Amino acid sequence: MPNWDRSMPNWDRSMIRFSATRVFFFGLILALHLAVASGGGAAESRPGEWDKTLKAAEAEGEVTVYVVDYPRLTVSHFQKAYPKIKLNQVDGPSGPALTSRLMAERRAGKYQADLYIAGQGTHVSILYPAKALAPMPPAFILPEVKDESKWFKGKHRFVDPETRHSFVFQGHRGLYISANTQQARADAIKSWWDLINPKWKGKIVGYDPTIAGVARNVLWYLYMNKALGPEFISKLYGDMQLTLSRDHRQLVDWLATGKAAVCVPCDDAELASAREQRLPVESVTHTLKEGDYIAGGQGVISMLAPAPHPHAAQIFLNWFLSREGQSLFQEQSVKSGQRNANSRRTDIAKDIIAPEYRLKDDAVFWENGPNVDQETAEATKLIKGILARK
């Protein structure tokens, strides 16, 4: 408080109080302004950046997204969210088929794709070496997309060697062991090593890990996990007389009819269908001693460079990775039958995702990275040698 001179007239005192108040509020407003300007809000976007980008995107008028499998169901909703930007959606039967088309177009000087959504492999093995990908972090505009705390383990996950081009938005726990409930109890299996038991010899079946498919993920996990590795692979695929098939339905039939006691792995959709028919099959859903494998499914997105519609691509990317976009991804994918389509966003409802597929913060887990092709090739060479000796 000022030291008022009591001989001062009341009018003079009032003027001083008024001036002091004005100075106080002016200083407060200035301090708040400087805090915001200096990044006081950690995840704030630059003022007007979204509106400016959206206006430029609407001027471009369209965006082209190349997509594989179930994420296409979410991609199609962009048109409703942004009706002034025409969505050109190019669906592909597989990552290799779609990237073959995309690269052929680029060789012909036709740069038509803005974004590409598919499984990890083609992003890393084809598009990244071709220098066809744009850095992604500079394209993040929305605070909820920039904020890494909203994602699993509090960070964005990129799968390319530079960790800035190919963003992984899906992550689910791989459930790779299933059992015939009349011959084995899934809850009794605590470790992968429990399968190396003489009583299961000749009673284990599995999908062929030497070809593309979910068994390749299993093979990578077994090979790279230090608690398992080549020794375990040799015992499981060699000593246990495991029977392989390339027919998912046949494997579940063998399991359900009791021809097999254990399957490594059986297809999730086929197992779900068998359970709906009340057949005696179940999956191991708890975390085993050696840890979880986190699979990304078809959940990787990249921006192409050069992009024909760069601003529209930014708007699509931010919408797709937002709470709205990722909630739609889970909802639409699960409705289509893709029960494990769990988004790595942690600030959205997970009710639609079965608990066994949700990621666990406290679990040891394994995820493959940019060297997965080389590592899988080594594991495939190993297992082919084992199978050849049978």
Protein backbone atom coordinates (compact mmCIF):
# COMPACT_ATOMS: atom_id res chain seq x y z
CA MET A 1 0.00 0.00 0.00
CA PRO A 2 1.26 3.53 -0.73
CA ASN A 3 2.10 5.79 2.19
CA TRP A 4 -0.71 8.31 1.84
CA ASP A 5 -0.09 11.86 2.95
CA ARG A 6 -3.14 12.45 5.17
CA SER A 7 -3.04 16.17 4.30
CA MET A 8 -3.60 15.27 0.60
CA PRO A 9 -7.07 16.16 -0.77
CA ASN A 10 -9.49 13.22 -1.31
CA TRP A 11 -9.63 13.92 -5.09
CA ASP A 12 -5.83 13.52 -5.39
CA ARG A 13 -5.88 10.30 -3.42
CA SER A 14 -8.58 8.82 -5.69
CA MET A 15 -6.55 9.68 -8.81
CA ILE A 16 -3.48 7.88 -7.43
CA ARG A 17 -5.53 4.79 -6.51
CA PHE A 18 -7.04 4.76 -10.05
CA SER A 19 -3.60 5.06 -11.68
CA ALA A 20 -2.14 2.29 -9.51
CA THR A 21 -5.00 -0.02 -10.46
CA ARG A 22 -4.53 0.71 -14.17
CA VAL A 23 -0.80 -0.04 -13.90
CA PHE A 24 -1.51 -3.33 -12.11
CA PHE A 25 -3.98 -4.61 -14.70
CA PHE A 26 -1.83 -3.43 -17.61
CA GLY A 27 1.12 -5.34 -16.16
CA LEU A 28 -1.00 -8.47 -15.67
CA ILE A 29 -2.25 -8.41 -19.27
CA LEU A 30 1.29 -7.85 -20.57
CA ALA A 31 2.61 -10.77 -18.51
CA LEU A 32 -0.08 -13.12 -19.83
CA HIS A 33 0.60 -12.00 -23.39
CA LEU A 34 4.32 -12.64 -23.03
CA ALA A 35 3.69 -16.07 -21.46
CA VAL A 36 1.57 -17.19 -24.41
CA ALA A 37 3.97 -15.69 -26.96
CA SER A 38 6.90 -17.52 -25.36
CA GLY A 39 5.15 -20.89 -25.43
CA GLY A 40 3.39 -20.79 -22.05
CA GLY A 41 0.99 -23.45 -23.39
CA ALA A 42 3.25 -26.41 -24.27
CA ALA A 43 0.97 -27.88 -26.90
CA GLU A 44 -0.54 -24.67 -28.33
CA SER A 45 -0.49 -24.18 -32.08
CA ARG A 46 0.58 -20.84 -33.54
CA PRO A 47 -2.32 -18.35 -33.65
CA GLY A 48 -4.32 -18.74 -36.86
CA GLU A 49 -2.17 -21.61 -38.18
CA TRP A 50 -5.09 -24.05 -38.43
CA ASP A 51 -7.42 -21.54 -40.11
CA LYS A 52 -4.72 -20.50 -42.55
CA THR A 53 -3.91 -24.12 -43.46
CA LEU A 54 -7.59 -25.04 -43.79
CA LYS A 55 -8.21 -22.09 -46.11
CA ALA A 56 -5.25 -23.16 -48.28
CA ALA A 57 -6.48 -26.77 -48.24
CA GLU A 58 -9.94 -25.73 -49.41
CA ALA A 59 -8.29 -23.76 -52.19
CA GLU A 60 -6.42 -26.93 -53.26
CA GLY A 61 -9.83 -28.60 -53.24
CA GLU A 62 -8.83 -32.24 -52.82
CA VAL A 63 -6.65 -34.77 -51.05
CA THR A 64 -5.63 -38.25 -52.20
CA VAL A 65 -5.17 -41.06 -49.70
CA TYR A 66 -3.83 -44.51 -50.62
CA VAL A 67 -5.00 -47.03 -48.04
CA VAL A 68 -4.96 -50.78 -47.35
CA ASP A 69 -7.58 -52.84 -45.49
CA TYR A 70 -9.76 -51.72 -42.56
CA PRO A 71 -8.37 -48.13 -42.05
CA ARG A 72 -10.19 -47.29 -45.29
CA LEU A 73 -13.45 -47.27 -43.32
CA THR A 74 -12.21 -44.34 -41.25
CA VAL A 75 -10.61 -42.54 -44.19
CA SER A 76 -13.99 -42.32 -45.92
CA HIS A 77 -15.40 -40.25 -43.02
CA PHE A 78 -13.06 -37.36 -43.81
CA GLN A 79 -15.38 -36.21 -46.57
CA LYS A 80 -18.19 -35.64 -44.07
CA ALA A 81 -15.88 -33.77 -41.70
CA TYR A 82 -14.48 -31.49 -44.43
CA PRO A 83 -16.98 -31.32 -47.31
CA LYS A 84 -15.07 -28.55 -49.10
CA ILE A 85 -12.08 -30.86 -49.62
CA LYS A 86 -12.78 -33.68 -52.06
CA LEU A 87 -11.47 -37.03 -50.86
CA ASN A 88 -9.84 -39.25 -53.47
CA GLN A 89 -9.53 -42.62 -51.77
CA VAL A 90 -7.45 -45.29 -53.50
CA ASP A 91 -7.94 -48.72 -51.90
CA GLY A 92 -5.32 -51.45 -52.35
CA PRO A 93 -5.56 -55.21 -51.79
CA SER A 94 -2.21 -55.22 -49.96
CA GLY A 95 0.74 -53.00 -49.12
CA PRO A 96 3.03 -54.48 -51.78
CA ALA A 97 0.34 -54.18 -54.47
CA LEU A 98 -0.49 -50.58 -53.60
CA THR A 99 3.13 -49.42 -53.30
CA SER A 100 3.88 -51.10 -56.62
CA ARG A 101 1.23 -48.91 -58.22
CA LEU A 102 2.36 -45.81 -56.33
CA MET A 103 6.02 -46.23 -57.31
CA ALA A 104 5.10 -46.91 -60.95
CA GLU A 105 3.18 -43.63 -60.97
CA ARG A 106 6.12 -41.76 -59.50
CA ARG A 107 8.52 -43.23 -62.07
CA ALA A 108 6.17 -41.89 -64.74
CA GLY A 109 6.32 -38.42 -63.15
CA LYS A 110 2.79 -38.69 -61.72
CA TYR A 111 2.78 -37.59 -58.09
CA GLN A 112 -0.83 -38.32 -57.19
CA ALA A 113 -0.76 -39.61 -53.61
CA ASP A 114 -0.71 -37.29 -50.60
CA LEU A 115 -0.79 -39.92 -47.85
CA TYR A 116 -0.28 -43.66 -47.56
CA ILE A 117 -1.79 -45.92 -44.86
CA ALA A 118 -0.82 -49.60 -44.55
CA GLY A 119 1.24 -52.00 -42.46
CA GLN A 120 4.78 -51.11 -41.47
CA GLY A 121 6.68 -53.13 -44.05
CA THR A 122 6.16 -51.13 -47.24
CA HIS A 123 6.69 -47.78 -45.53
CA VAL A 124 10.14 -48.84 -44.37
CA SER A 125 11.31 -51.22 -47.09
CA ILE A 126 9.98 -49.40 -50.19
CA LEU A 127 8.91 -45.78 -49.65
CA TYR A 128 11.62 -44.70 -47.22
CA PRO A 129 14.59 -45.95 -49.32
CA ALA A 130 12.99 -44.26 -52.36
CA LYS A 131 13.04 -40.94 -50.46
CA ALA A 132 9.31 -40.69 -51.10
CA LEU A 133 8.33 -39.64 -47.56
CA ALA A 134 8.01 -36.19 -46.01
CA PRO A 135 8.99 -35.40 -42.40
CA MET A 136 5.79 -35.52 -40.34
CA PRO A 137 6.29 -33.48 -37.12
CA PRO A 138 6.25 -30.11 -38.95
CA ALA A 139 2.79 -31.06 -40.28
CA PHE A 140 1.30 -31.45 -36.81
CA ILE A 141 -0.92 -28.45 -36.08
CA LEU A 142 -3.59 -29.43 -33.56
CA PRO A 143 -2.40 -29.28 -29.93
CA GLU A 144 -4.04 -32.67 -29.23
CA VAL A 145 -1.96 -34.24 -32.00
CA LYS A 146 1.28 -32.52 -31.04
CA ASP A 147 0.91 -33.50 -27.38
CA GLU A 148 2.85 -36.74 -26.97
CA SER A 149 1.37 -37.33 -23.51
CA LYS A 150 -1.88 -38.38 -25.22
CA TRP A 151 -0.19 -41.43 -26.75
CA PHE A 152 0.96 -44.78 -25.33
CA LYS A 153 4.01 -44.42 -23.08
CA GLY A 154 3.80 -40.65 -23.52
CA LYS A 155 5.42 -40.47 -26.93
CA HIS A 156 4.81 -40.56 -30.65
CA ARG A 157 6.01 -43.75 -32.31
CA PHE A 158 7.69 -43.57 -35.71
CA VAL A 159 8.97 -46.72 -37.35
CA ASP A 160 11.35 -45.36 -40.01
CA PRO A 161 15.12 -45.12 -39.36
CA GLU A 162 14.96 -41.35 -38.79
CA THR A 163 11.89 -41.66 -36.53
CA ARG A 164 10.04 -38.83 -38.23
CA HIS A 165 8.33 -40.13 -41.36
CA SER A 166 6.09 -43.13 -40.69
CA PHE A 167 3.75 -42.72 -37.72
CA VAL A 168 2.33 -45.79 -35.94
CA PHE A 169 -1.20 -45.06 -34.72
CA GLN A 170 -2.34 -48.63 -33.95
CA GLY A 171 -0.97 -50.97 -31.30
CA HIS A 172 -2.46 -54.13 -29.84
CA ARG A 173 -1.23 -57.07 -27.80
CA GLY A 174 -0.55 -60.06 -30.01
CA LEU A 175 -2.38 -63.19 -28.80
CA TYR A 176 -0.41 -65.98 -30.39
CA ILE A 177 -1.09 -69.11 -28.34
CA SER A 178 -4.49 -70.83 -28.30
CA ALA A 179 -5.60 -74.15 -26.86
CA ASN A 180 -8.24 -76.86 -27.03
CA THR A 181 -9.92 -76.51 -23.64
CA GLN A 182 -10.52 -80.26 -23.38
CA GLN A 183 -6.79 -80.95 -23.60
CA ALA A 184 -5.05 -77.88 -22.22
CA ARG A 185 -5.79 -74.91 -20.00
CA ALA A 186 -4.79 -71.55 -21.42
CA ASP A 187 -4.43 -70.05 -17.94
CA ALA A 188 -1.91 -72.77 -17.03
CA ILE A 189 0.53 -71.54 -19.71
CA LYS A 190 2.74 -68.97 -17.98
CA SER A 191 5.75 -69.03 -20.30
CA TRP A 192 6.51 -69.89 -23.91
CA TRP A 193 8.83 -72.54 -22.51
CA ASP A 194 5.76 -74.35 -21.10
CA LEU A 195 5.08 -75.48 -24.68
CA ILE A 196 8.34 -77.47 -24.66
CA ASN A 197 6.73 -80.24 -22.68
CA PRO A 198 6.88 -83.89 -23.86
CA LYS A 199 3.11 -84.22 -23.43
CA TRP A 200 2.55 -81.71 -26.25
CA LYS A 201 4.90 -83.44 -28.70
CA GLY A 202 3.02 -83.94 -31.98
CA LYS A 203 0.03 -82.02 -30.58
CA ILE A 204 1.00 -78.49 -31.62
CA VAL A 205 -0.03 -76.91 -34.93
CA GLY A 206 0.68 -73.47 -36.38
CA TYR A 207 0.60 -71.16 -39.37
CA ASP A 208 3.66 -71.32 -41.61
CA PRO A 209 6.11 -68.63 -40.37
CA THR A 210 8.18 -68.70 -43.56
CA ILE A 211 5.54 -66.77 -45.53
CA ALA A 212 3.85 -63.39 -45.01
CA GLY A 213 1.24 -63.38 -42.28
CA VAL A 214 0.79 -63.19 -38.54
CA ALA A 215 3.22 -66.07 -37.95
CA ARG A 216 6.05 -63.85 -39.21
CA ASN A 217 5.38 -61.55 -36.23
CA VAL A 218 5.61 -64.55 -33.92
CA LEU A 219 8.84 -65.68 -35.52
CA TRP A 220 10.40 -62.21 -35.14
CA TYR A 221 9.32 -62.03 -31.49
CA LEU A 222 10.72 -65.47 -30.68
CA TYR A 223 13.99 -64.74 -32.50
CA MET A 224 14.62 -61.32 -30.95
CA ASN A 225 13.48 -62.12 -27.42
CA LYS A 226 16.61 -62.91 -25.41
CA ALA A 227 14.67 -65.23 -23.14
CA LEU A 228 13.74 -67.39 -26.15
CA GLY A 229 15.86 -66.96 -29.29
CA PRO A 230 17.23 -69.64 -31.64
CA GLU A 231 17.32 -72.32 -28.94
CA PHE A 232 13.59 -72.05 -28.28
CA ILE A 233 12.74 -71.87 -32.01
CA SER A 234 14.76 -75.04 -32.62
CA LYS A 235 12.95 -76.90 -29.85
CA LEU A 236 9.44 -75.71 -30.77
CA TYR A 237 9.63 -76.15 -34.55
CA GLY A 238 12.06 -79.06 -34.52
CA ASP A 239 11.81 -81.24 -31.44
CA MET A 240 8.06 -80.82 -30.77
CA GLN A 241 7.04 -82.16 -34.22
CA LEU A 242 4.88 -79.10 -34.85
CA THR A 243 2.54 -79.38 -37.86
CA LEU A 244 2.34 -76.32 -40.13
CA SER A 245 -0.46 -75.18 -42.44
CA ARG A 246 -1.16 -72.21 -44.70
CA ASP A 247 -4.92 -72.47 -44.16
CA HIS A 248 -6.25 -70.51 -41.17
CA ARG A 249 -9.57 -72.35 -41.05
CA GLN A 250 -7.90 -75.74 -41.20
CA LEU A 251 -5.75 -74.89 -38.18
CA VAL A 252 -8.75 -73.88 -36.06
CA ASP A 253 -10.61 -77.01 -37.20
CA TRP A 254 -7.68 -79.15 -36.03
CA LEU A 255 -7.68 -77.33 -32.71
CA ALA A 256 -11.45 -77.47 -32.19
CA THR A 257 -11.77 -81.16 -33.06
CA GLY A 258 -8.92 -82.17 -30.76
CA LYS A 259 -6.43 -83.18 -33.43
CA ALA A 260 -4.23 -80.53 -31.84
CA ALA A 261 -4.00 -79.34 -28.25
CA VAL A 262 -2.18 -76.05 -28.93
CA CYS A 263 -1.93 -73.65 -31.90
CA VAL A 264 0.91 -71.15 -32.52
CA PRO A 265 -0.61 -69.02 -33.92
CA CYS A 266 -4.23 -69.41 -35.01
CA ASP A 267 -6.13 -66.61 -36.71
CA ASP A 268 -8.07 -64.33 -34.31
CA ALA A 269 -11.13 -64.08 -36.54
CA GLU A 270 -11.34 -67.85 -37.03
CA LEU A 271 -10.95 -68.42 -33.29
CA ALA A 272 -13.71 -65.91 -32.55
CA SER A 273 -15.99 -67.68 -35.00
CA ALA A 274 -15.25 -71.02 -33.35
CA ARG A 275 -16.02 -69.61 -29.90
CA GLU A 276 -19.33 -68.23 -31.17
CA GLN A 277 -20.17 -71.80 -32.19
CA ARG A 278 -19.30 -72.90 -28.63
CA LEU A 279 -16.36 -74.98 -29.82
CA PRO A 280 -13.71 -75.82 -27.18
CA VAL A 281 -11.03 -73.25 -28.06
CA GLU A 282 -9.53 -70.34 -26.13
CA SER A 283 -6.56 -68.01 -26.38
CA VAL A 284 -3.85 -67.22 -23.87
CA THR A 285 -4.74 -63.61 -23.03
CA HIS A 286 -2.48 -62.92 -20.04
CA THR A 287 1.07 -61.62 -20.34
CA LEU A 288 3.60 -64.44 -20.40
CA LYS A 289 6.90 -64.42 -18.54
CA GLU A 290 8.80 -63.30 -21.67
CA GLY A 291 6.60 -60.22 -22.23
CA ASP A 292 4.04 -59.00 -24.77
CA TYR A 293 4.48 -58.44 -28.47
CA ILE A 294 2.82 -55.22 -29.67
CA ALA A 295 1.58 -55.45 -33.24
CA GLY A 296 0.74 -52.46 -35.44
CA GLY A 297 -1.59 -54.14 -37.91
CA GLN A 298 -2.28 -51.85 -40.86
CA GLY A 299 -1.86 -48.84 -38.58
CA VAL A 300 0.99 -46.80 -40.04
CA ILE A 301 0.55 -43.49 -41.90
CA SER A 302 3.08 -41.55 -43.98
CA MET A 303 2.97 -38.29 -45.96
CA LEU A 304 4.31 -38.46 -49.49
CA ALA A 305 6.84 -35.99 -50.93
CA PRO A 306 6.27 -34.11 -53.04
CA ALA A 307 2.57 -33.99 -52.16
CA PRO A 308 0.19 -32.66 -54.82
CA HIS A 309 -2.05 -31.15 -52.12
CA PRO A 310 0.27 -30.38 -49.17
CA HIS A 311 -2.17 -28.28 -47.13
CA ALA A 312 -5.05 -30.69 -47.59
CA ALA A 313 -2.69 -33.49 -46.59
CA GLN A 314 -1.94 -31.63 -43.35
CA ILE A 315 -5.64 -31.20 -42.58
CA PHE A 316 -6.30 -34.90 -43.23
CA LEU A 317 -3.34 -35.98 -41.09
CA ASN A 318 -4.34 -33.87 -38.11
CA TRP A 319 -7.99 -34.95 -38.36
CA PHE A 320 -7.04 -38.63 -38.67
CA LEU A 321 -4.73 -38.55 -35.63
CA SER A 322 -7.09 -36.43 -33.52
CA ARG A 323 -9.36 -37.80 -30.80
CA GLU A 324 -12.22 -37.71 -33.30
CA GLY A 325 -10.29 -39.53 -36.01
CA GLN A 326 -8.82 -42.21 -33.77
CA SER A 327 -12.14 -42.83 -32.02
CA LEU A 328 -13.66 -43.39 -35.45
CA PHE A 329 -10.76 -45.68 -36.37
CA GLN A 330 -11.46 -47.95 -33.40
CA GLU A 331 -15.22 -47.89 -33.88
CA GLN A 332 -15.30 -48.48 -37.63
CA SER A 333 -12.55 -51.12 -37.60
CA VAL A 334 -14.08 -53.19 -34.80
CA LYS A 335 -17.51 -53.03 -36.45
CA SER A 336 -15.92 -54.46 -39.61
CA GLY A 337 -14.55 -57.42 -37.62
CA GLN A 338 -11.05 -56.10 -36.85
CA ARG A 339 -11.40 -56.65 -33.11
CA ASN A 340 -7.80 -55.70 -32.26
CA ALA A 341 -7.81 -52.23 -33.87
CA ASN A 342 -6.63 -50.43 -30.75
CA SER A 343 -5.41 -46.87 -31.22
CA ARG A 344 -2.22 -45.86 -29.44
CA ARG A 345 -4.05 -42.72 -28.28
CA THR A 346 -4.73 -43.13 -24.57
CA ASP A 347 -7.21 -40.26 -24.12
CA ILE A 348 -10.07 -41.93 -26.00
CA ALA A 349 -12.63 -44.48 -24.83
CA LYS A 350 -11.50 -48.11 -25.08
CA ASP A 351 -14.82 -49.81 -24.33
CA ILE A 352 -15.12 -51.10 -27.89
CA ILE A 353 -11.69 -52.80 -27.71
CA ALA A 354 -11.68 -56.18 -25.97
CA PRO A 355 -9.54 -55.95 -22.79
CA GLU A 356 -7.10 -58.63 -23.97
CA TYR A 357 -6.01 -56.45 -26.92
CA ARG A 358 -5.45 -53.23 -24.96
CA LEU A 359 -1.87 -52.19 -24.27
CA LYS A 360 -0.57 -52.55 -20.72
CA ASP A 361 1.49 -49.73 -19.26
CA ASP A 362 3.16 -52.01 -16.72
CA ALA A 363 4.07 -54.92 -19.04
CA VAL A 364 7.40 -55.74 -20.65
CA PHE A 365 6.82 -55.52 -24.38
CA TRP A 366 8.54 -56.00 -27.72
CA GLU A 367 7.97 -53.96 -30.90
CA ASN A 368 9.84 -54.32 -34.15
CA GLY A 369 11.53 -51.37 -35.81
CA PRO A 370 13.20 -50.27 -39.04
CA ASN A 371 15.49 -53.35 -39.14
CA VAL A 372 12.59 -55.80 -39.00
CA ASP A 373 13.10 -57.05 -42.57
CA GLN A 374 16.73 -57.97 -41.95
CA GLU A 375 15.94 -59.53 -38.57
CA THR A 376 13.01 -61.51 -39.98
CA ALA A 377 15.16 -62.71 -42.89
CA GLU A 378 17.72 -64.05 -40.38
CA ALA A 379 14.97 -65.78 -38.40
CA THR A 380 13.43 -67.23 -41.57
CA LYS A 381 16.78 -68.64 -42.67
CA LEU A 382 17.15 -70.24 -39.23
CA ILE A 383 13.71 -71.84 -39.21
CA LYS A 384 13.98 -73.13 -42.79
CA GLY A 385 17.14 -74.94 -41.73
CA ILE A 386 15.32 -76.43 -38.74
CA LEU A 387 12.36 -77.57 -40.84
CA ALA A 388 14.67 -79.07 -43.47
CA ARG A 389 16.18 -81.36 -40.83
CA LYS A 390 12.82 -82.75 -39.69
